[in-house]
PDB file of N, CA and C in Angstrom:
ATOM      1  N   UNK A   1     129.099 124.557 118.151  1.00  0.00           N
ATOM      2  CA  UNK A   1     129.837 125.113 118.935  1.00  0.00           C
ATOM      3  C   UNK A   1     130.329 126.736 118.640  1.00  0.00           C
ATOM      4  N   UNK A   2     130.648 127.682 119.815  1.00  0.00           N
ATOM      5  CA  UNK A   2     130.796 128.680 119.230  1.00  0.00           C
ATOM      6  C   UNK A   2     132.589 129.449 119.330  1.00  0.00           C
ATOM      7  N   UNK A   3     132.776 129.590 118.509  1.00  0.00           N
ATOM      8  CA  UNK A   3     134.700 130.026 118.926  1.00  0.00           C
ATOM      9  C   UNK A   3     134.809 131.231 119.190  1.00  0.00           C
ATOM     10  N   UNK A   4     135.671 131.976 119.850  1.00  0.00           N
ATOM     11  CA  UNK A   4     135.687 133.425 120.374  1.00  0.00           C
ATOM     12  C   UNK A   4     137.100 133.712 120.244  1.00  0.00           C
ATOM     13  N   UNK A   5     137.453 135.143 119.662  1.00  0.00           N
ATOM     14  CA  UNK A   5     138.680 135.323 119.572  1.00  0.00           C
ATOM     15  C   UNK A   5     139.476 135.351 118.135  1.00  0.00           C
ATOM     16  N   UNK A   6     140.116 135.839 118.001  1.00  0.00           N
ATOM     17  CA  UNK A   6     141.160 135.663 116.317  1.00  0.00           C
ATOM     18  C   UNK A   6     142.107 134.374 116.306  1.00  0.00           C
ATOM     19  N   UNK A   7     142.346 133.637 117.543  1.00  0.00           N
ATOM     20  CA  UNK A   7     143.659 133.032 117.385  1.00  0.00           C
ATOM     21  C   UNK A   7     143.094 131.319 117.225  1.00  0.00           C
ATOM     22  N   UNK A   8     143.881 130.878 116.778  1.00  0.00           N
ATOM     23  CA  UNK A   8     143.732 128.921 116.830  1.00  0.00           C
ATOM     24  C   UNK A   8     144.651 128.868 117.849  1.00  0.00           C
ATOM     25  N   UNK A   9     144.255 128.460 119.025  1.00  0.00           N
ATOM     26  CA  UNK A   9     145.135 128.012 120.038  1.00  0.00           C
ATOM     27  C   UNK A   9     145.669 126.247 119.856  1.00  0.00           C
ATOM     28  N   UNK A  10     146.661 126.470 120.900  1.00  0.00           N
ATOM     29  CA  UNK A  10     147.271 125.097 120.890  1.00  0.00           C
ATOM     30  C   UNK A  10     147.886 124.904 122.621  1.00  0.00           C
ATOM     31  N   UNK A  11     147.466 123.834 123.223  1.00  0.00           N
ATOM     32  CA  UNK A  11     148.148 123.679 124.471  1.00  0.00           C
ATOM     33  C   UNK A  11     149.695 122.886 124.342  1.00  0.00           C
ATOM     34  N   UNK A  12     150.752 123.491 124.785  1.00  0.00           N
ATOM     35  CA  UNK A  12     152.229 122.778 125.108  1.00  0.00           C
ATOM     36  C   UNK A  12     152.013 122.437 126.606  1.00  0.00           C
ATOM     37  N   UNK A  13     152.462 121.150 127.311  1.00  0.00           N
ATOM     38  CA  UNK A  13     152.333 120.955 128.613  1.00  0.00           C
ATOM     39  C   UNK A  13     154.447 120.964 128.504  1.00  0.00           C
ATOM     40  N   UNK A  14     154.666 121.879 129.660  1.00  0.00           N
ATOM     41  CA  UNK A  14     156.014 122.309 129.890  1.00  0.00           C
ATOM     42  C   UNK A  14     156.694 122.241 131.171  1.00  0.00           C
ATOM     43  N   UNK A  15     158.263 121.934 131.166  1.00  0.00           N
ATOM     44  CA  UNK A  15     158.180 121.587 132.646  1.00  0.00           C
ATOM     45  C   UNK A  15     158.782 123.058 133.037  1.00  0.00           C
ATOM     46  N   UNK A  16     159.040 124.113 132.017  1.00  0.00           N
ATOM     47  CA  UNK A  16     159.406 125.217 133.010  1.00  0.00           C
ATOM     48  C   UNK A  16     158.926 126.550 131.718  1.00  0.00           C
ATOM     49  N   UNK A  17     158.012 127.148 132.873  1.00  0.00           N
ATOM     50  CA  UNK A  17     157.068 127.875 131.648  1.00  0.00           C
ATOM     51  C   UNK A  17     158.077 129.133 131.273  1.00  0.00           C
ATOM     52  N   UNK A  18     158.827 129.637 132.256  1.00  0.00           N
ATOM     53  CA  UNK A  18     159.435 130.813 131.967  1.00  0.00           C
ATOM     54  C   UNK A  18     160.692 130.034 130.888  1.00  0.00           C
ATOM     55  N   UNK A  19     161.400 129.104 130.543  1.00  0.00           N
ATOM     56  CA  UNK A  19     162.405 128.589 129.986  1.00  0.00           C
ATOM     57  C   UNK A  19     161.467 128.672 128.523  1.00  0.00           C
ATOM     58  N   UNK A  20     160.076 127.962 128.287  1.00  0.00           N
ATOM     59  CA  UNK A  20     159.298 128.136 127.146  1.00  0.00           C
ATOM     60  C   UNK A  20     158.808 129.309 126.707  1.00  0.00           C
ATOM     61  N   UNK A  21     158.769 130.414 127.694  1.00  0.00           N
ATOM     62  CA  UNK A  21     158.444 131.588 126.616  1.00  0.00           C
ATOM     63  C   UNK A  21     159.578 131.831 126.212  1.00  0.00           C
ATOM     64  N   UNK A  22     160.882 131.920 127.193  1.00  0.00           N
ATOM     65  CA  UNK A  22     161.751 132.919 126.398  1.00  0.00           C
ATOM     66  C   UNK A  22     162.439 132.027 125.212  1.00  0.00           C
ATOM     67  N   UNK A  23     162.379 130.843 124.968  1.00  0.00           N
ATOM     68  CA  UNK A  23     162.645 130.129 123.631  1.00  0.00           C
ATOM     69  C   UNK A  23     161.675 130.128 122.381  1.00  0.00           C
ATOM     70  N   UNK A  24     160.267 130.506 122.915  1.00  0.00           N
ATOM     71  CA  UNK A  24     159.551 131.094 121.415  1.00  0.00           C
ATOM     72  C   UNK A  24     159.528 132.493 121.245  1.00  0.00           C
ATOM     73  N   UNK A  25     159.595 133.484 122.690  1.00  0.00           N
ATOM     74  CA  UNK A  25     159.561 134.529 121.985  1.00  0.00           C
ATOM     75  C   UNK A  25     161.359 135.027 121.826  1.00  0.00           C
ATOM     76  N   UNK A  26     162.221 134.509 121.940  1.00  0.00           N
ATOM     77  CA  UNK A  26     163.341 134.531 121.682  1.00  0.00           C
ATOM     78  C   UNK A  26     163.946 134.027 120.281  1.00  0.00           C
ATOM     79  N   UNK A  27     163.323 133.084 119.966  1.00  0.00           N
ATOM     80  CA  UNK A  27     163.429 132.287 118.771  1.00  0.00           C
ATOM     81  C   UNK A  27     162.993 132.554 117.583  1.00  0.00           C
ATOM     82  N   UNK A  28     161.183 132.242 117.596  1.00  0.00           N
ATOM     83  CA  UNK A  28     160.610 132.116 117.064  1.00  0.00           C
ATOM     84  C   UNK A  28     159.692 132.978 116.565  1.00  0.00           C
ATOM     85  N   UNK A  29     159.710 134.250 117.335  1.00  0.00           N
ATOM     86  CA  UNK A  29     159.180 135.426 117.045  1.00  0.00           C
ATOM     87  C   UNK A  29     157.906 135.611 117.658  1.00  0.00           C
ATOM     88  N   UNK A  30     157.379 135.058 118.796  1.00  0.00           N
ATOM     89  CA  UNK A  30     156.341 135.326 119.259  1.00  0.00           C
ATOM     90  C   UNK A  30     156.312 135.840 120.276  1.00  0.00           C
ATOM     91  N   UNK A  31     155.510 136.461 120.531  1.00  0.00           N
ATOM     92  CA  UNK A  31     155.355 137.557 121.663  1.00  0.00           C
ATOM     93  C   UNK A  31     154.645 137.336 122.866  1.00  0.00           C
ATOM     94  N   UNK A  32     155.125 137.734 124.326  1.00  0.00           N
ATOM     95  CA  UNK A  32     153.734 137.126 125.091  1.00  0.00           C
ATOM     96  C   UNK A  32     152.990 137.768 125.428  1.00  0.00           C
ATOM     97  N   UNK A  33     151.765 137.075 125.821  1.00  0.00           N
ATOM     98  CA  UNK A  33     150.299 137.824 125.857  1.00  0.00           C
ATOM     99  C   UNK A  33     149.639 138.192 127.219  1.00  0.00           C
ATOM    100  N   UNK A  34     150.023 136.973 127.873  1.00  0.00           N
ATOM    101  CA  UNK A  34     149.941 137.146 129.387  1.00  0.00           C
ATOM    102  C   UNK A  34     150.496 136.034 130.035  1.00  0.00           C
ATOM    103  N   UNK A  35     151.065 136.152 131.608  1.00  0.00           N
ATOM    104  CA  UNK A  35     151.667 134.997 132.005  1.00  0.00           C
ATOM    105  C   UNK A  35     150.610 135.015 133.607  1.00  0.00           C
ATOM    106  N   UNK A  36     150.777 133.806 133.966  1.00  0.00           N
ATOM    107  CA  UNK A  36     150.514 133.303 135.764  1.00  0.00           C
ATOM    108  C   UNK A  36     151.679 132.755 136.299  1.00  0.00           C
ATOM    109  N   UNK A  37     152.714 133.203 136.830  1.00  0.00           N
ATOM    110  CA  UNK A  37     153.670 132.794 137.403  1.00  0.00           C
ATOM    111  C   UNK A  37     154.283 131.589 136.689  1.00  0.00           C
ATOM    112  N   UNK A  38     154.850 130.749 137.720  1.00  0.00           N
ATOM    113  CA  UNK A  38     155.239 129.497 136.981  1.00  0.00           C
ATOM    114  C   UNK A  38     154.544 128.714 136.695  1.00  0.00           C
ATOM    115  N   UNK A  39     152.748 128.689 136.457  1.00  0.00           N
ATOM    116  CA  UNK A  39     151.959 127.754 136.082  1.00  0.00           C
ATOM    117  C   UNK A  39     151.724 127.694 134.589  1.00  0.00           C
ATOM    118  N   UNK A  40     151.718 129.034 134.371  1.00  0.00           N
ATOM    119  CA  UNK A  40     151.156 129.512 133.142  1.00  0.00           C
ATOM    120  C   UNK A  40     151.718 130.474 132.405  1.00  0.00           C
ATOM    121  N   UNK A  41     151.830 130.720 131.036  1.00  0.00           N
ATOM    122  CA  UNK A  41     151.450 131.553 129.914  1.00  0.00           C
ATOM    123  C   UNK A  41     151.434 131.284 128.555  1.00  0.00           C
ATOM    124  N   UNK A  42     150.993 132.608 127.832  1.00  0.00           N
ATOM    125  CA  UNK A  42     150.772 132.155 126.149  1.00  0.00           C
ATOM    126  C   UNK A  42     150.958 133.522 125.367  1.00  0.00           C
ATOM    127  N   UNK A  43     151.735 132.928 124.738  1.00  0.00           N
ATOM    128  CA  UNK A  43     152.556 133.769 123.562  1.00  0.00           C
ATOM    129  C   UNK A  43     151.901 133.246 122.201  1.00  0.00           C
ATOM    130  N   UNK A  44     151.984 134.449 121.326  1.00  0.00           N
ATOM    131  CA  UNK A  44     151.425 134.558 120.545  1.00  0.00           C
ATOM    132  C   UNK A  44     152.182 135.066 119.384  1.00  0.00           C
ATOM    133  N   UNK A  45     151.579 134.148 117.766  1.00  0.00           N
ATOM    134  CA  UNK A  45     152.108 134.600 116.814  1.00  0.00           C
ATOM    135  C   UNK A  45     151.573 134.492 115.241  1.00  0.00           C
ATOM    136  N   UNK A  46     151.119 135.801 114.881  1.00  0.00           N
ATOM    137  CA  UNK A  46     150.205 135.633 113.999  1.00  0.00           C
ATOM    138  C   UNK A  46     148.843 134.828 114.528  1.00  0.00           C
ATOM    139  N   UNK A  47     147.878 134.548 114.174  1.00  0.00           N
ATOM    140  CA  UNK A  47     146.805 133.715 114.531  1.00  0.00           C
ATOM    141  C   UNK A  47     146.778 132.846 115.458  1.00  0.00           C
ATOM    142  N   UNK A  48     148.052 132.415 115.795  1.00  0.00           N
ATOM    143  CA  UNK A  48     147.937 131.515 116.578  1.00  0.00           C
ATOM    144  C   UNK A  48     148.661 132.102 118.293  1.00  0.00           C
ATOM    145  N   UNK A  49     147.997 131.462 118.894  1.00  0.00           N
ATOM    146  CA  UNK A  49     148.256 131.621 120.606  1.00  0.00           C
ATOM    147  C   UNK A  49     148.576 130.165 120.964  1.00  0.00           C
ATOM    148  N   UNK A  50     149.692 130.073 121.458  1.00  0.00           N
ATOM    149  CA  UNK A  50     150.438 129.087 122.032  1.00  0.00           C
ATOM    150  C   UNK A  50     150.245 128.883 123.632  1.00  0.00           C
ATOM    151  N   UNK A  51     149.749 128.028 124.513  1.00  0.00           N
ATOM    152  CA  UNK A  51     149.501 128.128 125.862  1.00  0.00           C
ATOM    153  C   UNK A  51     150.502 127.033 126.033  1.00  0.00           C
ATOM    154  N   UNK A  52     151.298 127.780 127.149  1.00  0.00           N
ATOM    155  CA  UNK A  52     152.270 127.019 127.594  1.00  0.00           C
ATOM    156  C   UNK A  52     151.808 126.782 128.973  1.00  0.00           C
ATOM    157  N   UNK A  53     151.613 125.659 129.543  1.00  0.00           N
ATOM    158  CA  UNK A  53     151.019 125.543 131.167  1.00  0.00           C
ATOM    159  C   UNK A  53     152.150 124.305 131.465  1.00  0.00           C
ATOM    160  N   UNK A  54     153.016 124.595 132.794  1.00  0.00           N
ATOM    161  CA  UNK A  54     153.372 124.665 133.723  1.00  0.00           C
ATOM    162  C   UNK A  54     152.778 123.259 134.448  1.00  0.00           C
ATOM    163  N   UNK A  55     153.821 122.392 135.097  1.00  0.00           N
ATOM    164  CA  UNK A  55     152.836 121.410 136.312  1.00  0.00           C
ATOM    165  C   UNK A  55     152.452 121.792 136.865  1.00  0.00           C
ATOM    166  N   UNK A  56     151.991 122.727 137.543  1.00  0.00           N
ATOM    167  CA  UNK A  56     150.747 123.367 138.467  1.00  0.00           C
ATOM    168  C   UNK A  56     149.862 123.467 137.934  1.00  0.00           C
ATOM    169  N   UNK A  57     149.904 123.860 136.580  1.00  0.00           N
ATOM    170  CA  UNK A  57     148.492 124.320 135.632  1.00  0.00           C
ATOM    171  C   UNK A  57     147.339 123.603 135.695  1.00  0.00           C
ATOM    172  N   UNK A  58     146.148 124.397 135.624  1.00  0.00           N
ATOM    173  CA  UNK A  58     144.953 122.953 135.592  1.00  0.00           C
ATOM    174  C   UNK A  58     145.158 122.425 133.893  1.00  0.00           C
ATOM    175  N   UNK A  59     145.641 123.039 132.753  1.00  0.00           N
ATOM    176  CA  UNK A  59     145.524 121.966 131.693  1.00  0.00           C
ATOM    177  C   UNK A  59     146.506 120.768 131.695  1.00  0.00           C
ATOM    178  N   UNK A  60     147.523 121.061 133.092  1.00  0.00           N
ATOM    179  CA  UNK A  60     148.429 119.996 132.569  1.00  0.00           C
ATOM    180  C   UNK A  60     147.865 119.049 133.854  1.00  0.00           C
ATOM    181  N   UNK A  61     147.067 119.277 134.739  1.00  0.00           N
ATOM    182  CA  UNK A  61     146.161 118.717 135.502  1.00  0.00           C
ATOM    183  C   UNK A  61     145.340 117.990 135.304  1.00  0.00           C
ATOM    184  N   UNK A  62     144.786 118.538 133.926  1.00  0.00           N
ATOM    185  CA  UNK A  62     143.403 117.721 133.203  1.00  0.00           C
ATOM    186  C   UNK A  62     143.827 116.835 132.430  1.00  0.00           C
ATOM    187  N   UNK A  63     145.170 116.694 132.166  1.00  0.00           N
ATOM    188  CA  UNK A  63     145.563 115.720 130.839  1.00  0.00           C
ATOM    189  C   UNK A  63     146.092 114.013 131.676  1.00  0.00           C
ATOM    190  N   UNK A  64     145.800 113.386 130.923  1.00  0.00           N
ATOM    191  CA  UNK A  64     146.388 111.887 132.407  1.00  0.00           C
ATOM    192  C   UNK A  64     147.710 111.794 131.895  1.00  0.00           C
ATOM    193  N   UNK A  65     148.183 111.153 132.574  1.00  0.00           N
ATOM    194  CA  UNK A  65     149.651 110.784 133.058  1.00  0.00           C
ATOM    195  C   UNK A  65     150.097 109.899 131.981  1.00  0.00           C
ATOM    196  N   UNK A  66     148.954 109.474 131.145  1.00  0.00           N
ATOM    197  CA  UNK A  66     149.647 108.014 129.931  1.00  0.00           C
ATOM    198  C   UNK A  66     149.638 109.161 128.775  1.00  0.00           C
ATOM    199  N   UNK A  67     149.088 110.213 128.796  1.00  0.00           N
ATOM    200  CA  UNK A  67     149.057 111.032 127.819  1.00  0.00           C
ATOM    201  C   UNK A  67     150.208 111.817 127.767  1.00  0.00           C
ATOM    202  N   UNK A  68     151.309 111.740 128.700  1.00  0.00           N
ATOM    203  CA  UNK A  68     152.207 112.615 129.048  1.00  0.00           C
ATOM    204  C   UNK A  68     153.520 112.281 127.782  1.00  0.00           C
ATOM    205  N   UNK A  69     154.457 113.578 127.549  1.00  0.00           N
ATOM    206  CA  UNK A  69     155.333 113.478 126.691  1.00  0.00           C
ATOM    207  C   UNK A  69     155.278 113.751 125.499  1.00  0.00           C
ATOM    208  N   UNK A  70     156.040 113.993 125.021  1.00  0.00           N
ATOM    209  CA  UNK A  70     156.274 114.845 123.491  1.00  0.00           C
ATOM    210  C   UNK A  70     155.563 113.721 122.489  1.00  0.00           C
ATOM    211  N   UNK A  71     154.181 113.945 121.491  1.00  0.00           N
ATOM    212  CA  UNK A  71     154.142 112.834 120.773  1.00  0.00           C
ATOM    213  C   UNK A  71     154.690 113.180 119.027  1.00  0.00           C
ATOM    214  N   UNK A  72     153.751 112.842 118.106  1.00  0.00           N
ATOM    215  CA  UNK A  72     154.126 113.320 117.022  1.00  0.00           C
ATOM    216  C   UNK A  72     153.753 114.286 116.675  1.00  0.00           C
ATOM    217  N   UNK A  73     152.774 114.592 117.584  1.00  0.00           N
ATOM    218  CA  UNK A  73     152.195 116.480 116.879  1.00  0.00           C
ATOM    219  C   UNK A  73     152.950 117.603 117.158  1.00  0.00           C
ATOM    220  N   UNK A  74     152.477 118.710 116.257  1.00  0.00           N
ATOM    221  CA  UNK A  74     153.321 119.852 116.287  1.00  0.00           C
ATOM    222  C   UNK A  74     152.424 120.677 115.753  1.00  0.00           C
ATOM    223  N   UNK A  75     153.236 122.106 116.307  1.00  0.00           N
ATOM    224  CA  UNK A  75     152.897 123.078 115.796  1.00  0.00           C
ATOM    225  C   UNK A  75     153.535 123.301 114.088  1.00  0.00           C
ATOM    226  N   UNK A  76     153.230 124.339 113.373  1.00  0.00           N
ATOM    227  CA  UNK A  76     153.796 124.692 112.097  1.00  0.00           C
ATOM    228  C   UNK A  76     154.218 125.908 111.551  1.00  0.00           C
ATOM    229  N   UNK A  77     155.137 125.935 111.381  1.00  0.00           N
ATOM    230  CA  UNK A  77     155.434 127.314 111.380  1.00  0.00           C
ATOM    231  C   UNK A  77     155.962 127.452 109.696  1.00  0.00           C
ATOM    232  N   UNK A  78     155.535 128.376 108.908  1.00  0.00           N
ATOM    233  CA  UNK A  78     156.088 128.602 107.858  1.00  0.00           C
ATOM    234  C   UNK A  78     156.987 129.646 107.778  1.00  0.00           C
ATOM    235  N   UNK A  79     158.403 129.008 106.836  1.00  0.00           N
ATOM    236  CA  UNK A  79     159.141 130.299 107.093  1.00  0.00           C
ATOM    237  C   UNK A  79     160.132 130.434 105.387  1.00  0.00           C
ATOM    238  N   UNK A  80     160.571 131.874 105.279  1.00  0.00           N
ATOM    239  CA  UNK A  80     160.912 131.629 103.999  1.00  0.00           C
ATOM    240  C   UNK A  80     161.897 131.069 103.313  1.00  0.00           C
ATOM    241  N   UNK A  81     163.111 130.843 104.157  1.00  0.00           N
ATOM    242  CA  UNK A  81     164.342 130.719 104.036  1.00  0.00           C
ATOM    243  C   UNK A  81     164.566 129.366 105.102  1.00  0.00           C
ATOM    244  N   UNK A  82     164.275 128.289 104.765  1.00  0.00           N
ATOM    245  CA  UNK A  82     164.615 126.961 105.698  1.00  0.00           C
ATOM    246  C   UNK A  82     166.347 127.150 106.198  1.00  0.00           C
ATOM    247  N   UNK A  83     167.117 126.912 105.249  1.00  0.00           N
ATOM    248  CA  UNK A  83     168.476 127.335 105.525  1.00  0.00           C
ATOM    249  C   UNK A  83     168.630 128.044 106.584  1.00  0.00           C
ATOM    250  N   UNK A  84     168.006 129.358 106.107  1.00  0.00           N
ATOM    251  CA  UNK A  84     168.712 130.508 106.534  1.00  0.00           C
ATOM    252  C   UNK A  84     168.090 130.452 108.238  1.00  0.00           C
ATOM    253  N   UNK A  85     166.851 129.944 108.527  1.00  0.00           N
ATOM    254  CA  UNK A  85     166.614 129.266 109.559  1.00  0.00           C
ATOM    255  C   UNK A  85     167.460 128.587 110.651  1.00  0.00           C
ATOM    256  N   UNK A  86     167.359 127.385 110.233  1.00  0.00           N
ATOM    257  CA  UNK A  86     168.419 126.389 110.666  1.00  0.00           C
ATOM    258  C   UNK A  86     170.048 127.000 110.837  1.00  0.00           C
ATOM    259  N   UNK A  87     170.086 127.898 110.125  1.00  0.00           N
ATOM    260  CA  UNK A  87     171.846 128.376 110.662  1.00  0.00           C
ATOM    261  C   UNK A  87     171.573 129.433 111.521  1.00  0.00           C
ATOM    262  N   UNK A  88     170.287 129.906 111.796  1.00  0.00           N
ATOM    263  CA  UNK A  88     170.551 131.201 113.117  1.00  0.00           C
ATOM    264  C   UNK A  88     170.097 130.558 113.964  1.00  0.00           C
ATOM    265  N   UNK A  89     169.539 129.167 114.201  1.00  0.00           N
ATOM    266  CA  UNK A  89     168.934 128.536 115.040  1.00  0.00           C
ATOM    267  C   UNK A  89     170.528 127.580 115.557  1.00  0.00           C
ATOM    268  N   UNK A  90     170.866 127.264 115.303  1.00  0.00           N
ATOM    269  CA  UNK A  90     172.312 126.750 115.288  1.00  0.00           C
ATOM    270  C   UNK A  90     173.306 127.590 115.654  1.00  0.00           C
ATOM    271  N   UNK A  91     173.523 128.823 115.697  1.00  0.00           N
ATOM    272  CA  UNK A  91     174.125 129.625 115.582  1.00  0.00           C
ATOM    273  C   UNK A  91     173.739 130.106 117.146  1.00  0.00           C
ATOM    274  N   UNK A  92     172.457 130.286 117.882  1.00  0.00           N
ATOM    275  CA  UNK A  92     171.797 130.257 118.870  1.00  0.00           C
ATOM    276  C   UNK A  92     172.031 129.339 120.190  1.00  0.00           C
ATOM    277  N   UNK A  93     172.379 127.970 119.317  1.00  0.00           N
ATOM    278  CA  UNK A  93     173.321 126.845 120.492  1.00  0.00           C
ATOM    279  C   UNK A  93     171.710 125.727 120.259  1.00  0.00           C
ATOM    280  N   UNK A  94     170.554 125.840 119.575  1.00  0.00           N
ATOM    281  CA  UNK A  94     170.087 124.782 119.614  1.00  0.00           C
ATOM    282  C   UNK A  94     169.953 123.679 118.648  1.00  0.00           C
ATOM    283  N   UNK A  95     169.056 122.866 118.567  1.00  0.00           N
ATOM    284  CA  UNK A  95     169.597 121.524 118.098  1.00  0.00           C
ATOM    285  C   UNK A  95     168.335 121.066 117.292  1.00  0.00           C
ATOM    286  N   UNK A  96     168.221 119.932 116.318  1.00  0.00           N
ATOM    287  CA  UNK A  96     167.295 119.756 115.891  1.00  0.00           C
ATOM    288  C   UNK A  96     166.952 118.198 115.770  1.00  0.00           C
ATOM    289  N   UNK A  97     165.678 117.845 115.626  1.00  0.00           N
ATOM    290  CA  UNK A  97     165.419 116.016 115.892  1.00  0.00           C
ATOM    291  C   UNK A  97     165.838 115.824 114.403  1.00  0.00           C
ATOM    292  N   UNK A  98     166.682 115.299 113.470  1.00  0.00           N
ATOM    293  CA  UNK A  98     166.874 114.740 112.709  1.00  0.00           C
ATOM    294  C   UNK A  98     167.322 115.665 111.371  1.00  0.00           C
ATOM    295  N   UNK A  99     167.290 115.454 110.359  1.00  0.00           N
ATOM    296  CA  UNK A  99     167.412 116.216 109.066  1.00  0.00           C
ATOM    297  C   UNK A  99     166.420 117.163 108.620  1.00  0.00           C
ATOM    298  N   UNK A 100     166.778 117.874 107.562  1.00  0.00           N
ATOM    299  CA  UNK A 100     166.010 118.061 106.310  1.00  0.00           C
ATOM    300  C   UNK A 100     165.023 117.409 105.957  1.00  0.00           C
ATOM    301  N   UNK A 101     163.743 117.286 105.768  1.00  0.00           N
ATOM    302  CA  UNK A 101     163.211 116.272 104.698  1.00  0.00           C
ATOM    303  C   UNK A 101     162.583 117.317 104.143  1.00  0.00           C
ATOM    304  N   UNK A 102     162.375 116.629 102.580  1.00  0.00           N
ATOM    305  CA  UNK A 102     161.964 117.179 101.419  1.00  0.00           C
ATOM    306  C   UNK A 102     161.225 116.501 100.842  1.00  0.00           C
ATOM    307  N   UNK A 103     159.741 116.651 100.150  1.00  0.00           N
ATOM    308  CA  UNK A 103     158.612 116.061  99.839  1.00  0.00           C
ATOM    309  C   UNK A 103     158.063 117.705  98.713  1.00  0.00           C
ATOM    310  N   UNK A 104     157.016 116.716  98.158  1.00  0.00           N
ATOM    311  CA  UNK A 104     156.473 117.368  97.250  1.00  0.00           C
ATOM    312  C   UNK A 104     155.596 119.092  97.374  1.00  0.00           C
ATOM    313  N   UNK A 105     155.347 119.297  99.041  1.00  0.00           N
ATOM    314  CA  UNK A 105     155.031 120.401  99.217  1.00  0.00           C
ATOM    315  C   UNK A 105     155.920 120.920  99.607  1.00  0.00           C
ATOM    316  N   UNK A 106     157.005 120.518  99.932  1.00  0.00           N
ATOM    317  CA  UNK A 106     158.460 122.024 100.481  1.00  0.00           C
ATOM    318  C   UNK A 106     159.070 120.765 101.278  1.00  0.00           C
ATOM    319  N   UNK A 107     159.401 122.037 101.913  1.00  0.00           N
ATOM    320  CA  UNK A 107     161.048 121.276 102.741  1.00  0.00           C
ATOM    321  C   UNK A 107     160.946 121.594 104.620  1.00  0.00           C
ATOM    322  N   UNK A 108     161.153 120.423 105.080  1.00  0.00           N
ATOM    323  CA  UNK A 108     160.476 120.747 106.686  1.00  0.00           C
ATOM    324  C   UNK A 108     161.891 120.415 107.796  1.00  0.00           C
ATOM    325  N   UNK A 109     161.995 121.030 108.840  1.00  0.00           N
ATOM    326  CA  UNK A 109     162.606 119.794 109.851  1.00  0.00           C
ATOM    327  C   UNK A 109     162.156 120.510 111.503  1.00  0.00           C
ATOM    328  N   UNK A 110     162.679 119.772 112.261  1.00  0.00           N
ATOM    329  CA  UNK A 110     161.506 119.644 113.531  1.00  0.00           C
ATOM    330  C   UNK A 110     162.947 120.070 114.757  1.00  0.00           C
ATOM    331  N   UNK A 111     162.473 121.041 115.387  1.00  0.00           N
ATOM    332  CA  UNK A 111     163.124 121.997 116.186  1.00  0.00           C
ATOM    333  C   UNK A 111     161.919 121.135 117.631  1.00  0.00           C
ATOM    334  N   UNK A 112     163.223 120.956 118.706  1.00  0.00           N
ATOM    335  CA  UNK A 112     162.416 120.871 120.032  1.00  0.00           C
ATOM    336  C   UNK A 112     161.947 122.242 121.017  1.00  0.00           C
ATOM    337  N   UNK A 113     161.264 121.941 121.645  1.00  0.00           N
ATOM    338  CA  UNK A 113     161.296 123.224 122.333  1.00  0.00           C
ATOM    339  C   UNK A 113     161.659 123.194 123.684  1.00  0.00           C
ATOM    340  N   UNK A 114     162.264 123.953 124.728  1.00  0.00           N
ATOM    341  CA  UNK A 114     162.885 122.996 126.055  1.00  0.00           C
ATOM    342  C   UNK A 114     162.119 121.849 126.913  1.00  0.00           C
ATOM    343  N   UNK A 115     160.820 121.538 126.896  1.00  0.00           N
ATOM    344  CA  UNK A 115     160.152 121.020 127.168  1.00  0.00           C
ATOM    345  C   UNK A 115     160.241 119.326 126.375  1.00  0.00           C
ATOM    346  N   UNK A 116     160.622 119.318 124.944  1.00  0.00           N
ATOM    347  CA  UNK A 116     160.432 118.562 123.709  1.00  0.00           C
ATOM    348  C   UNK A 116     159.188 118.390 122.736  1.00  0.00           C
ATOM    349  N   UNK A 117     158.070 119.126 123.122  1.00  0.00           N
ATOM    350  CA  UNK A 117     157.661 119.785 122.188  1.00  0.00           C
ATOM    351  C   UNK A 117     158.082 120.049 120.652  1.00  0.00           C
ATOM    352  N   UNK A 118     157.222 119.350 120.177  1.00  0.00           N
ATOM    353  CA  UNK A 118     158.107 119.757 118.508  1.00  0.00           C
ATOM    354  C   UNK A 118     157.338 120.925 117.935  1.00  0.00           C
ATOM    355  N   UNK A 119     158.392 121.177 116.688  1.00  0.00           N
ATOM    356  CA  UNK A 119     157.676 122.907 116.432  1.00  0.00           C
ATOM    357  C   UNK A 119     158.458 122.122 114.824  1.00  0.00           C
ATOM    358  N   UNK A 120     157.522 122.269 113.683  1.00  0.00           N
ATOM    359  CA  UNK A 120     158.055 121.778 112.419  1.00  0.00           C
ATOM    360  C   UNK A 120     158.232 123.415 111.780  1.00  0.00           C
ATOM    361  N   UNK A 121     159.484 123.651 111.275  1.00  0.00           N
ATOM    362  CA  UNK A 121     159.965 124.736 110.581  1.00  0.00           C
ATOM    363  C   UNK A 121     159.391 123.934 108.878  1.00  0.00           C
ATOM    364  N   UNK A 122     158.945 124.973 108.050  1.00  0.00           N
ATOM    365  CA  UNK A 122     158.263 124.324 107.004  1.00  0.00           C
ATOM    366  C   UNK A 122     158.278 125.917 105.802  1.00  0.00           C
ATOM    367  N   UNK A 123     158.997 125.277 104.679  1.00  0.00           N
ATOM    368  CA  UNK A 123     159.471 125.930 103.942  1.00  0.00           C
ATOM    369  C   UNK A 123     159.096 125.196 102.551  1.00  0.00           C
ATOM    370  N   UNK A 124     157.663 126.179 102.322  1.00  0.00           N
ATOM    371  CA  UNK A 124     156.393 125.538 100.665  1.00  0.00           C
ATOM    372  C   UNK A 124     157.324 125.721  99.844  1.00  0.00           C
ATOM    373  N   UNK A 125     157.072 124.545  98.896  1.00  0.00           N
ATOM    374  CA  UNK A 125     157.741 124.115  97.457  1.00  0.00           C
ATOM    375  C   UNK A 125     157.930 125.473  96.570  1.00  0.00           C
ATOM    376  N   UNK A 126     158.874 125.966  95.632  1.00  0.00           N
ATOM    377  CA  UNK A 126     158.474 127.018  94.884  1.00  0.00           C
ATOM    378  C   UNK A 126     157.510 126.689  93.735  1.00  0.00           C
ATOM    379  N   UNK A 127     156.516 126.911  93.643  1.00  0.00           N
ATOM    380  CA  UNK A 127     155.102 126.565  92.282  1.00  0.00           C
ATOM    381  C   UNK A 127     155.246 127.883  91.518  1.00  0.00           C
ATOM    382  N   UNK A 128     156.484 128.462  91.188  1.00  0.00           N
ATOM    383  CA  UNK A 128     156.340 129.074  90.181  1.00  0.00           C
ATOM    384  C   UNK A 128     156.866 128.395  88.497  1.00  0.00           C
TER     385      UNK A 128
END
């Protein structure tokens, strides 16, 4: 297999491409890379390229109906201060799934995008 480009790409099926672009660019530090009307857009943050496919996109049409809905998979964004990010996003009117979970590797919380796709905000444990 040949991989091109400098991005790891993930596709999220969304109900409203414009709302999804606004969510990721306004709240999570992504920038718009390209867009194709209401069907598709892609946003990038560092090495991650997030493909946002609306209902009319080929990506959505290629996905079988039984695979619809938000699953347990998610993208993970590393943050320096999880509590500060939670406060900032709460102040912007966003809600989270559940509470902060702490484990040996760090702390995390799940943030749904406008279509219900999950974004994990993760603060690694202090290893000093």
